[in-house]
N, C-alpha and C. Protein backbone atom coordinates (compact mmCIF):
# COMPACT_ATOMS: atom_id res chain seq x y z
N UNK A 1 0.86 -1.17 0.00
CA UNK A 1 0.00 0.00 0.00
C UNK A 1 0.90 1.23 0.00
N UNK A 2 0.68 2.13 -0.97
CA UNK A 2 1.48 3.33 -1.05
C UNK A 2 1.11 4.34 0.03
N UNK A 3 2.02 5.26 0.26
CA UNK A 3 1.81 6.29 1.28
C UNK A 3 0.59 7.15 0.94
N UNK A 4 0.45 7.49 -0.35
CA UNK A 4 -0.68 8.32 -0.77
C UNK A 4 -2.02 7.63 -0.45
N UNK A 5 -2.11 6.33 -0.77
CA UNK A 5 -3.35 5.59 -0.48
C UNK A 5 -3.58 5.47 1.02
N UNK A 6 -2.53 5.22 1.77
CA UNK A 6 -2.65 5.13 3.23
C UNK A 6 -3.19 6.43 3.82
N UNK A 7 -2.64 7.55 3.38
CA UNK A 7 -3.11 8.86 3.86
C UNK A 7 -4.58 9.06 3.49
N UNK A 8 -4.94 8.71 2.24
CA UNK A 8 -6.33 8.86 1.81
C UNK A 8 -7.26 7.98 2.65
N UNK A 9 -6.89 6.72 2.87
CA UNK A 9 -7.74 5.82 3.64
C UNK A 9 -7.88 6.26 5.09
N UNK A 10 -6.79 6.72 5.69
CA UNK A 10 -6.87 7.22 7.07
C UNK A 10 -7.75 8.46 7.12
N UNK A 11 -7.62 9.33 6.14
CA UNK A 11 -8.46 10.53 6.11
C UNK A 11 -9.93 10.16 5.93
N UNK A 12 -10.20 9.23 5.00
CA UNK A 12 -11.58 8.79 4.76
C UNK A 12 -12.21 8.21 6.02
N UNK A 13 -11.47 7.35 6.73
CA UNK A 13 -12.07 6.57 7.80
C UNK A 13 -11.74 7.06 9.20
N UNK A 14 -11.01 8.15 9.32
CA UNK A 14 -10.75 8.74 10.62
C UNK A 14 -11.28 10.17 10.66
N UNK A 15 -10.70 11.03 9.83
CA UNK A 15 -11.13 12.43 9.82
C UNK A 15 -12.59 12.56 9.38
N UNK A 16 -12.93 11.96 8.24
CA UNK A 16 -14.31 12.08 7.74
C UNK A 16 -15.32 11.40 8.66
N UNK A 17 -14.88 10.38 9.39
CA UNK A 17 -15.78 9.65 10.30
C UNK A 17 -15.99 10.38 11.62
N UNK A 18 -15.19 11.39 11.87
CA UNK A 18 -15.24 12.10 13.16
C UNK A 18 -16.48 12.97 13.29
N UNK A 19 -17.05 12.96 14.49
CA UNK A 19 -18.17 13.85 14.79
C UNK A 19 -17.72 15.30 14.85
N UNK A 20 -16.43 15.55 14.87
CA UNK A 20 -15.91 16.91 14.91
C UNK A 20 -15.99 17.61 13.56
N UNK A 21 -16.14 16.83 12.47
CA UNK A 21 -16.28 17.42 11.14
C UNK A 21 -17.74 17.78 10.92
N UNK A 22 -18.05 19.05 10.65
CA UNK A 22 -19.45 19.44 10.42
C UNK A 22 -20.04 18.72 9.22
N UNK A 23 -21.31 18.37 9.31
CA UNK A 23 -21.99 17.66 8.22
C UNK A 23 -21.87 18.41 6.90
N UNK A 24 -21.97 19.74 6.96
CA UNK A 24 -21.89 20.54 5.74
C UNK A 24 -20.52 20.43 5.07
N UNK A 25 -19.50 20.14 5.85
CA UNK A 25 -18.14 20.01 5.30
C UNK A 25 -17.82 18.57 4.90
N UNK A 26 -18.46 17.59 5.53
CA UNK A 26 -18.09 16.18 5.32
C UNK A 26 -18.26 15.76 3.87
N UNK A 27 -19.39 16.06 3.23
CA UNK A 27 -19.59 15.61 1.86
C UNK A 27 -18.59 16.27 0.91
N UNK A 28 -18.23 17.51 1.20
CA UNK A 28 -17.23 18.18 0.36
C UNK A 28 -15.85 17.52 0.52
N UNK A 29 -15.52 17.15 1.74
CA UNK A 29 -14.25 16.47 2.00
C UNK A 29 -14.23 15.10 1.32
N UNK A 30 -15.34 14.37 1.40
CA UNK A 30 -15.42 13.07 0.73
C UNK A 30 -15.26 13.22 -0.78
N UNK A 31 -15.88 14.25 -1.33
CA UNK A 31 -15.75 14.51 -2.77
C UNK A 31 -14.29 14.84 -3.11
N UNK A 32 -13.65 15.65 -2.29
CA UNK A 32 -12.25 16.00 -2.53
C UNK A 32 -11.33 14.78 -2.47
N UNK A 33 -11.73 13.76 -1.70
CA UNK A 33 -10.94 12.54 -1.57
C UNK A 33 -11.24 11.51 -2.66
N UNK A 34 -12.13 11.86 -3.60
CA UNK A 34 -12.34 11.02 -4.76
C UNK A 34 -13.67 10.32 -4.88
N UNK A 35 -14.57 10.46 -3.89
CA UNK A 35 -15.89 9.87 -4.03
C UNK A 35 -16.69 10.69 -5.02
N UNK A 36 -17.57 10.03 -5.79
CA UNK A 36 -18.39 10.71 -6.79
C UNK A 36 -19.66 11.22 -6.11
N UNK A 37 -19.62 12.48 -5.71
CA UNK A 37 -20.76 13.11 -5.04
C UNK A 37 -21.06 14.39 -5.81
N UNK A 38 -22.04 14.34 -6.75
CA UNK A 38 -22.27 15.48 -7.63
C UNK A 38 -22.92 16.70 -6.98
N UNK A 39 -23.55 16.53 -5.85
CA UNK A 39 -24.20 17.66 -5.20
C UNK A 39 -24.42 17.37 -3.74
N UNK A 40 -25.12 18.25 -3.07
CA UNK A 40 -25.31 18.15 -1.63
C UNK A 40 -25.88 16.80 -1.23
N UNK A 41 -25.31 16.23 -0.19
CA UNK A 41 -25.86 15.05 0.47
C UNK A 41 -25.41 15.11 1.93
N UNK A 42 -26.09 14.39 2.80
CA UNK A 42 -25.72 14.36 4.21
C UNK A 42 -25.09 13.01 4.52
N UNK A 43 -23.87 13.03 5.03
CA UNK A 43 -23.18 11.82 5.45
C UNK A 43 -22.85 11.99 6.93
N UNK A 44 -23.43 11.14 7.77
CA UNK A 44 -23.25 11.24 9.22
C UNK A 44 -21.88 10.69 9.63
N UNK A 45 -21.45 10.99 10.85
CA UNK A 45 -20.17 10.46 11.34
C UNK A 45 -20.20 8.93 11.47
N UNK A 46 -19.01 8.35 11.53
CA UNK A 46 -18.88 6.92 11.82
C UNK A 46 -18.99 6.00 10.62
N UNK A 47 -19.15 6.54 9.41
CA UNK A 47 -19.23 5.69 8.23
C UNK A 47 -17.83 5.18 7.87
N UNK A 48 -17.78 3.97 7.30
CA UNK A 48 -16.51 3.37 6.90
C UNK A 48 -16.52 3.14 5.40
N UNK A 49 -15.49 3.63 4.70
CA UNK A 49 -15.39 3.54 3.26
C UNK A 49 -14.21 2.64 2.89
N UNK A 50 -14.49 1.54 2.19
CA UNK A 50 -13.45 0.61 1.79
C UNK A 50 -12.74 1.01 0.52
N UNK A 51 -13.05 2.17 -0.03
CA UNK A 51 -12.43 2.66 -1.25
C UNK A 51 -13.16 3.87 -1.77
N UNK A 52 -12.84 4.23 -3.02
CA UNK A 52 -13.43 5.44 -3.60
C UNK A 52 -14.46 5.16 -4.68
N UNK A 53 -14.71 3.91 -5.02
CA UNK A 53 -15.66 3.60 -6.10
C UNK A 53 -17.09 3.69 -5.57
N UNK A 54 -17.46 4.89 -5.15
CA UNK A 54 -18.76 5.13 -4.54
C UNK A 54 -19.37 6.37 -5.17
N UNK A 55 -20.64 6.26 -5.57
CA UNK A 55 -21.39 7.41 -6.03
C UNK A 55 -22.56 7.60 -5.07
N UNK A 56 -22.73 8.82 -4.57
CA UNK A 56 -23.86 9.15 -3.70
C UNK A 56 -24.61 10.28 -4.38
N UNK A 57 -25.87 10.04 -4.75
CA UNK A 57 -26.67 11.01 -5.49
C UNK A 57 -27.09 12.21 -4.66
N UNK A 58 -27.48 13.26 -5.36
CA UNK A 58 -27.94 14.51 -4.73
C UNK A 58 -29.09 14.25 -3.76
N UNK A 59 -29.10 15.04 -2.70
CA UNK A 59 -30.18 15.02 -1.70
C UNK A 59 -30.34 13.67 -1.00
N UNK A 60 -29.30 12.87 -0.98
CA UNK A 60 -29.35 11.60 -0.27
C UNK A 60 -28.80 11.77 1.14
N UNK A 61 -29.21 10.87 2.04
CA UNK A 61 -28.75 10.89 3.42
C UNK A 61 -28.17 9.53 3.77
N UNK A 62 -26.95 9.55 4.30
CA UNK A 62 -26.28 8.34 4.77
C UNK A 62 -26.12 8.51 6.27
N UNK A 63 -26.79 7.66 7.05
CA UNK A 63 -26.85 7.82 8.50
C UNK A 63 -25.59 7.26 9.17
N UNK A 64 -25.56 7.31 10.49
CA UNK A 64 -24.41 6.93 11.29
C UNK A 64 -23.98 5.48 11.06
N UNK A 65 -22.66 5.28 10.93
CA UNK A 65 -22.09 3.94 10.94
C UNK A 65 -22.32 3.07 9.73
N UNK A 66 -22.67 3.65 8.58
CA UNK A 66 -22.89 2.84 7.38
C UNK A 66 -21.54 2.31 6.89
N UNK A 67 -21.52 1.02 6.49
CA UNK A 67 -20.30 0.33 6.06
C UNK A 67 -20.35 0.13 4.55
N UNK A 68 -19.41 0.75 3.83
CA UNK A 68 -19.28 0.61 2.39
C UNK A 68 -18.11 -0.33 2.11
N UNK A 69 -18.38 -1.62 1.84
CA UNK A 69 -17.32 -2.60 1.60
C UNK A 69 -16.45 -2.19 0.42
N UNK A 70 -17.04 -1.89 -0.70
CA UNK A 70 -16.38 -1.29 -1.86
C UNK A 70 -15.32 -2.14 -2.54
N UNK A 71 -15.49 -3.47 -2.54
CA UNK A 71 -14.66 -4.32 -3.38
C UNK A 71 -15.05 -4.13 -4.84
N UNK A 72 -16.27 -3.64 -5.08
CA UNK A 72 -16.77 -3.25 -6.40
C UNK A 72 -17.53 -1.94 -6.21
N UNK A 73 -17.97 -1.33 -7.30
CA UNK A 73 -18.64 -0.03 -7.25
C UNK A 73 -19.96 -0.11 -6.47
N UNK A 74 -20.23 0.96 -5.71
CA UNK A 74 -21.50 1.14 -5.02
C UNK A 74 -22.11 2.44 -5.53
N UNK A 75 -23.35 2.36 -6.04
CA UNK A 75 -24.04 3.54 -6.56
C UNK A 75 -25.33 3.75 -5.78
N UNK A 76 -25.45 4.92 -5.17
CA UNK A 76 -26.65 5.32 -4.44
C UNK A 76 -27.30 6.44 -5.24
N UNK A 77 -28.56 6.25 -5.63
CA UNK A 77 -29.25 7.23 -6.45
C UNK A 77 -29.61 8.50 -5.70
N UNK A 78 -30.26 9.41 -6.40
CA UNK A 78 -30.70 10.67 -5.79
C UNK A 78 -31.84 10.42 -4.81
N UNK A 79 -31.90 11.25 -3.78
CA UNK A 79 -32.98 11.26 -2.77
C UNK A 79 -33.13 9.92 -2.05
N UNK A 80 -32.02 9.24 -1.82
CA UNK A 80 -32.04 7.98 -1.06
C UNK A 80 -31.78 8.26 0.42
N UNK A 81 -32.27 7.39 1.26
CA UNK A 81 -32.02 7.48 2.70
C UNK A 81 -31.50 6.13 3.17
N UNK A 82 -30.29 6.13 3.74
CA UNK A 82 -29.64 4.92 4.20
C UNK A 82 -29.59 4.97 5.72
N UNK A 83 -30.23 4.02 6.39
CA UNK A 83 -30.35 4.01 7.84
C UNK A 83 -29.05 3.69 8.56
N UNK A 84 -29.10 3.83 9.88
CA UNK A 84 -27.93 3.58 10.72
C UNK A 84 -27.44 2.14 10.59
N UNK A 85 -26.12 2.01 10.54
CA UNK A 85 -25.42 0.72 10.59
C UNK A 85 -25.77 -0.22 9.43
N UNK A 86 -26.21 0.32 8.31
CA UNK A 86 -26.45 -0.49 7.12
C UNK A 86 -25.10 -0.98 6.59
N UNK A 87 -25.08 -2.21 6.05
CA UNK A 87 -23.87 -2.77 5.44
C UNK A 87 -24.12 -2.97 3.95
N UNK A 88 -23.29 -2.33 3.13
CA UNK A 88 -23.33 -2.49 1.69
C UNK A 88 -22.09 -3.31 1.32
N UNK A 89 -22.29 -4.62 1.12
CA UNK A 89 -21.18 -5.57 0.96
C UNK A 89 -21.06 -6.01 -0.49
N UNK A 90 -20.03 -5.52 -1.18
CA UNK A 90 -19.82 -5.90 -2.57
C UNK A 90 -18.89 -7.10 -2.72
N UNK A 91 -18.17 -7.46 -1.67
CA UNK A 91 -17.23 -8.57 -1.74
C UNK A 91 -17.78 -9.84 -1.11
N UNK A 92 -17.38 -10.97 -1.66
CA UNK A 92 -17.77 -12.28 -1.12
C UNK A 92 -16.71 -13.29 -1.55
N UNK A 93 -17.00 -14.57 -1.41
CA UNK A 93 -16.10 -15.64 -1.81
C UNK A 93 -16.89 -16.72 -2.53
N UNK A 94 -16.23 -17.43 -3.44
CA UNK A 94 -16.83 -18.64 -3.99
C UNK A 94 -16.78 -19.70 -2.89
N UNK A 95 -17.54 -20.76 -3.07
CA UNK A 95 -17.52 -21.85 -2.10
C UNK A 95 -16.29 -22.71 -2.37
N UNK A 96 -15.45 -22.84 -1.35
CA UNK A 96 -14.23 -23.62 -1.49
C UNK A 96 -14.42 -25.07 -1.11
N UNK A 97 -13.33 -25.81 -1.09
CA UNK A 97 -13.38 -27.23 -0.74
C UNK A 97 -13.47 -27.40 0.78
N UNK A 98 -13.49 -28.65 1.22
CA UNK A 98 -13.66 -28.95 2.64
C UNK A 98 -12.53 -28.41 3.50
N UNK A 99 -11.34 -28.24 2.92
CA UNK A 99 -10.21 -27.71 3.68
C UNK A 99 -10.35 -26.24 4.02
N UNK A 100 -11.04 -25.51 3.16
CA UNK A 100 -11.28 -24.08 3.40
C UNK A 100 -12.50 -23.68 2.60
N UNK A 101 -13.63 -23.52 3.27
CA UNK A 101 -14.90 -23.26 2.59
C UNK A 101 -14.97 -21.90 1.91
N UNK A 102 -14.27 -20.90 2.46
CA UNK A 102 -14.24 -19.60 1.79
C UNK A 102 -13.21 -19.68 0.67
N UNK A 103 -13.70 -19.82 -0.56
CA UNK A 103 -12.82 -19.96 -1.72
C UNK A 103 -12.30 -18.62 -2.20
N UNK A 104 -12.14 -18.51 -3.51
CA UNK A 104 -11.58 -17.30 -4.12
C UNK A 104 -12.48 -16.10 -3.87
N UNK A 105 -11.85 -14.95 -3.65
CA UNK A 105 -12.60 -13.71 -3.45
C UNK A 105 -13.22 -13.26 -4.76
N UNK A 106 -14.46 -12.79 -4.69
CA UNK A 106 -15.16 -12.22 -5.84
C UNK A 106 -15.85 -10.95 -5.38
N UNK A 107 -16.29 -10.16 -6.34
CA UNK A 107 -17.01 -8.92 -6.01
C UNK A 107 -18.01 -8.62 -7.11
N UNK A 108 -19.08 -7.93 -6.75
CA UNK A 108 -20.08 -7.49 -7.71
C UNK A 108 -20.67 -6.17 -7.21
N UNK A 109 -21.01 -5.26 -8.12
CA UNK A 109 -21.49 -3.94 -7.71
C UNK A 109 -22.87 -3.97 -7.07
N UNK A 110 -23.15 -2.92 -6.32
CA UNK A 110 -24.47 -2.70 -5.71
C UNK A 110 -25.00 -1.39 -6.27
N UNK A 111 -26.29 -1.37 -6.62
CA UNK A 111 -26.90 -0.14 -7.11
C UNK A 111 -28.25 0.07 -6.43
N UNK A 112 -28.44 1.26 -5.89
CA UNK A 112 -29.72 1.68 -5.30
C UNK A 112 -30.31 2.75 -6.20
N UNK A 113 -31.52 2.51 -6.69
CA UNK A 113 -32.18 3.48 -7.56
C UNK A 113 -32.62 4.71 -6.80
N UNK A 114 -33.14 5.70 -7.51
CA UNK A 114 -33.57 6.94 -6.85
C UNK A 114 -34.72 6.70 -5.87
N UNK A 115 -34.69 7.44 -4.76
CA UNK A 115 -35.79 7.41 -3.80
C UNK A 115 -35.83 6.20 -2.90
N UNK A 116 -34.79 5.39 -2.87
CA UNK A 116 -34.76 4.17 -2.04
C UNK A 116 -34.53 4.54 -0.58
N UNK A 117 -35.19 3.81 0.31
CA UNK A 117 -34.98 3.96 1.76
C UNK A 117 -34.56 2.60 2.29
N UNK A 118 -33.37 2.53 2.89
CA UNK A 118 -32.86 1.29 3.48
C UNK A 118 -32.86 1.46 4.99
N UNK A 119 -33.61 0.61 5.70
CA UNK A 119 -33.76 0.71 7.15
C UNK A 119 -32.50 0.29 7.90
N UNK A 120 -32.45 0.68 9.17
CA UNK A 120 -31.29 0.43 10.04
C UNK A 120 -30.89 -1.04 10.05
N UNK A 121 -29.58 -1.26 10.05
CA UNK A 121 -28.96 -2.58 10.17
C UNK A 121 -29.33 -3.55 9.05
N UNK A 122 -29.85 -3.05 7.94
CA UNK A 122 -30.07 -3.92 6.79
C UNK A 122 -28.72 -4.25 6.16
N UNK A 123 -28.67 -5.37 5.44
CA UNK A 123 -27.46 -5.80 4.74
C UNK A 123 -27.83 -5.98 3.27
N UNK A 124 -27.06 -5.35 2.39
CA UNK A 124 -27.25 -5.51 0.95
C UNK A 124 -26.02 -6.26 0.43
N UNK A 125 -26.26 -7.42 -0.20
CA UNK A 125 -25.19 -8.32 -0.62
C UNK A 125 -24.72 -8.02 -2.05
N UNK A 126 -23.59 -8.60 -2.46
CA UNK A 126 -23.00 -8.30 -3.77
C UNK A 126 -23.94 -8.55 -4.93
N UNK A 127 -23.85 -7.64 -5.93
CA UNK A 127 -24.59 -7.80 -7.17
C UNK A 127 -26.04 -7.39 -7.13
N UNK A 128 -26.51 -6.83 -6.02
CA UNK A 128 -27.92 -6.49 -5.87
C UNK A 128 -28.22 -5.12 -6.48
N UNK A 129 -29.34 -5.06 -7.21
CA UNK A 129 -29.89 -3.79 -7.71
C UNK A 129 -31.23 -3.59 -7.01
N UNK A 130 -31.38 -2.48 -6.30
CA UNK A 130 -32.64 -2.14 -5.64
C UNK A 130 -33.30 -1.06 -6.47
N UNK A 131 -34.49 -1.36 -7.00
CA UNK A 131 -35.18 -0.47 -7.91
C UNK A 131 -35.69 0.80 -7.25
N UNK A 132 -36.04 1.77 -8.09
CA UNK A 132 -36.51 3.08 -7.65
C UNK A 132 -37.68 2.95 -6.68
N UNK A 133 -37.67 3.79 -5.65
CA UNK A 133 -38.80 3.90 -4.74
C UNK A 133 -39.01 2.73 -3.81
N UNK A 134 -38.05 1.84 -3.68
CA UNK A 134 -38.19 0.70 -2.76
C UNK A 134 -37.92 1.10 -1.32
N UNK A 135 -38.51 0.34 -0.40
CA UNK A 135 -38.21 0.46 1.02
C UNK A 135 -37.70 -0.90 1.47
N UNK A 136 -36.54 -0.90 2.12
CA UNK A 136 -35.95 -2.12 2.68
C UNK A 136 -36.09 -2.02 4.18
N UNK A 137 -36.80 -2.96 4.80
CA UNK A 137 -37.06 -2.92 6.23
C UNK A 137 -35.81 -3.09 7.07
N UNK A 138 -35.86 -2.58 8.28
CA UNK A 138 -34.74 -2.68 9.22
C UNK A 138 -34.36 -4.14 9.42
N UNK A 139 -33.08 -4.43 9.38
CA UNK A 139 -32.57 -5.78 9.62
C UNK A 139 -32.71 -6.75 8.47
N UNK A 140 -33.26 -6.32 7.34
CA UNK A 140 -33.42 -7.21 6.19
C UNK A 140 -32.06 -7.56 5.60
N UNK A 141 -31.98 -8.73 4.97
CA UNK A 141 -30.79 -9.14 4.23
C UNK A 141 -31.21 -9.28 2.77
N UNK A 142 -30.73 -8.36 1.93
CA UNK A 142 -31.12 -8.31 0.53
C UNK A 142 -30.09 -9.09 -0.28
N UNK A 143 -30.50 -10.26 -0.78
CA UNK A 143 -29.59 -11.15 -1.49
C UNK A 143 -29.85 -11.18 -2.99
N UNK A 144 -30.98 -10.61 -3.44
CA UNK A 144 -31.27 -10.59 -4.88
C UNK A 144 -31.96 -9.28 -5.23
N UNK A 145 -32.05 -9.01 -6.53
CA UNK A 145 -32.60 -7.75 -7.01
C UNK A 145 -34.01 -7.50 -6.50
N UNK A 146 -34.33 -6.23 -6.31
CA UNK A 146 -35.65 -5.80 -5.84
C UNK A 146 -36.27 -4.92 -6.91
N UNK A 147 -37.32 -5.40 -7.61
CA UNK A 147 -38.00 -4.56 -8.58
C UNK A 147 -38.56 -3.30 -7.92
N UNK A 148 -38.75 -2.22 -8.69
CA UNK A 148 -39.14 -0.92 -8.14
C UNK A 148 -40.44 -0.93 -7.33
N UNK A 149 -40.53 0.05 -6.45
CA UNK A 149 -41.75 0.40 -5.70
C UNK A 149 -42.33 -0.76 -4.90
N UNK A 150 -41.47 -1.39 -4.11
CA UNK A 150 -41.91 -2.46 -3.24
C UNK A 150 -41.33 -2.30 -1.85
N UNK A 151 -42.02 -2.89 -0.87
CA UNK A 151 -41.54 -2.96 0.50
C UNK A 151 -40.97 -4.36 0.69
N UNK A 152 -39.69 -4.44 1.09
CA UNK A 152 -38.99 -5.70 1.26
C UNK A 152 -38.56 -5.85 2.71
N UNK A 153 -38.86 -6.99 3.32
CA UNK A 153 -38.50 -7.23 4.72
C UNK A 153 -38.03 -8.67 4.88
N UNK A 154 -37.31 -8.93 5.97
CA UNK A 154 -36.98 -10.30 6.35
C UNK A 154 -35.59 -10.76 5.94
N UNK A 155 -35.33 -12.02 6.31
CA UNK A 155 -34.06 -12.68 6.01
C UNK A 155 -34.37 -14.02 5.37
N UNK A 156 -34.16 -14.19 4.08
CA UNK A 156 -33.77 -13.16 3.13
C UNK A 156 -34.94 -12.21 2.85
N UNK A 157 -34.62 -11.03 2.36
CA UNK A 157 -35.66 -10.02 2.10
C UNK A 157 -36.62 -10.53 1.03
N UNK A 158 -37.90 -10.29 1.28
CA UNK A 158 -38.92 -10.64 0.29
C UNK A 158 -39.92 -9.49 0.18
N UNK A 159 -40.53 -9.37 -0.97
CA UNK A 159 -41.48 -8.29 -1.25
C UNK A 159 -42.79 -8.61 -0.54
N UNK A 160 -43.25 -7.69 0.31
CA UNK A 160 -44.49 -7.92 1.05
C UNK A 160 -45.58 -6.92 0.69
N UNK A 161 -45.21 -5.87 -0.04
CA UNK A 161 -46.22 -4.87 -0.38
C UNK A 161 -45.78 -4.07 -1.61
N UNK A 162 -46.76 -3.72 -2.43
CA UNK A 162 -46.54 -2.79 -3.54
C UNK A 162 -46.64 -1.38 -2.98
N UNK A 163 -45.79 -0.49 -3.46
CA UNK A 163 -45.85 0.91 -3.06
C UNK A 163 -46.27 1.74 -4.26
N UNK A 164 -47.06 2.77 -4.02
CA UNK A 164 -47.56 3.63 -5.09
C UNK A 164 -46.39 4.34 -5.77
N UNK A 165 -46.22 4.14 -7.09
CA UNK A 165 -45.10 4.79 -7.78
C UNK A 165 -45.22 6.31 -7.84
N UNK A 166 -46.42 6.84 -7.61
CA UNK A 166 -46.60 8.30 -7.59
C UNK A 166 -46.26 8.88 -6.23
N UNK A 167 -46.00 8.03 -5.25
CA UNK A 167 -45.58 8.51 -3.95
C UNK A 167 -46.70 8.76 -2.96
N UNK A 168 -47.94 8.52 -3.37
CA UNK A 168 -49.06 8.73 -2.44
C UNK A 168 -49.04 7.64 -1.38
N UNK A 169 -49.44 7.97 -0.16
CA UNK A 169 -49.50 6.93 0.89
C UNK A 169 -50.44 5.80 0.48
N UNK A 170 -50.09 4.59 0.85
CA UNK A 170 -50.89 3.41 0.55
C UNK A 170 -51.62 3.01 1.81
N UNK A 171 -52.94 2.91 1.73
CA UNK A 171 -53.73 2.50 2.91
C UNK A 171 -53.53 1.00 3.16
N UNK A 172 -53.42 0.65 4.43
CA UNK A 172 -53.20 -0.76 4.78
C UNK A 172 -54.24 -1.22 5.79
N UNK A 173 -55.49 -0.89 5.56
CA UNK A 173 -56.55 -1.28 6.50
C UNK A 173 -57.09 -2.64 6.20
């Protein structure tokens, strides 16, 4: 690991993670360090960034302690809300032999469409695309793609409700 990368990683995961950095300055600092942040977004303290292959769309909010694995690209659309302690895991392993079950390392990108809300402590696994306007319930484990405008909950996450694509509240009586 080169000195330049070490300094960048320490800055990303120490200085940017500090509660002493004002929220208004944090996204600008992240952008200066190489993250693709085209406009204002809120990134809370305590987030961990495994690299710079991250895009965070305008008007999105990333809450406290979000983990960006970043073995592959992570794309968060505009107007997304990412809850506390969410894990976005792009890296995994193939299944190995009996001597060592974790085989070769692999990675696949994660993409969240516009308007997605991911609840606290949810986990999004490699290669997942979450469609526009989806809600992922707290604690869900998303292992496969989520078509747009649905509510997904559970382990593994499953679609339990259609959401109005126009954004109007859906009655559940």
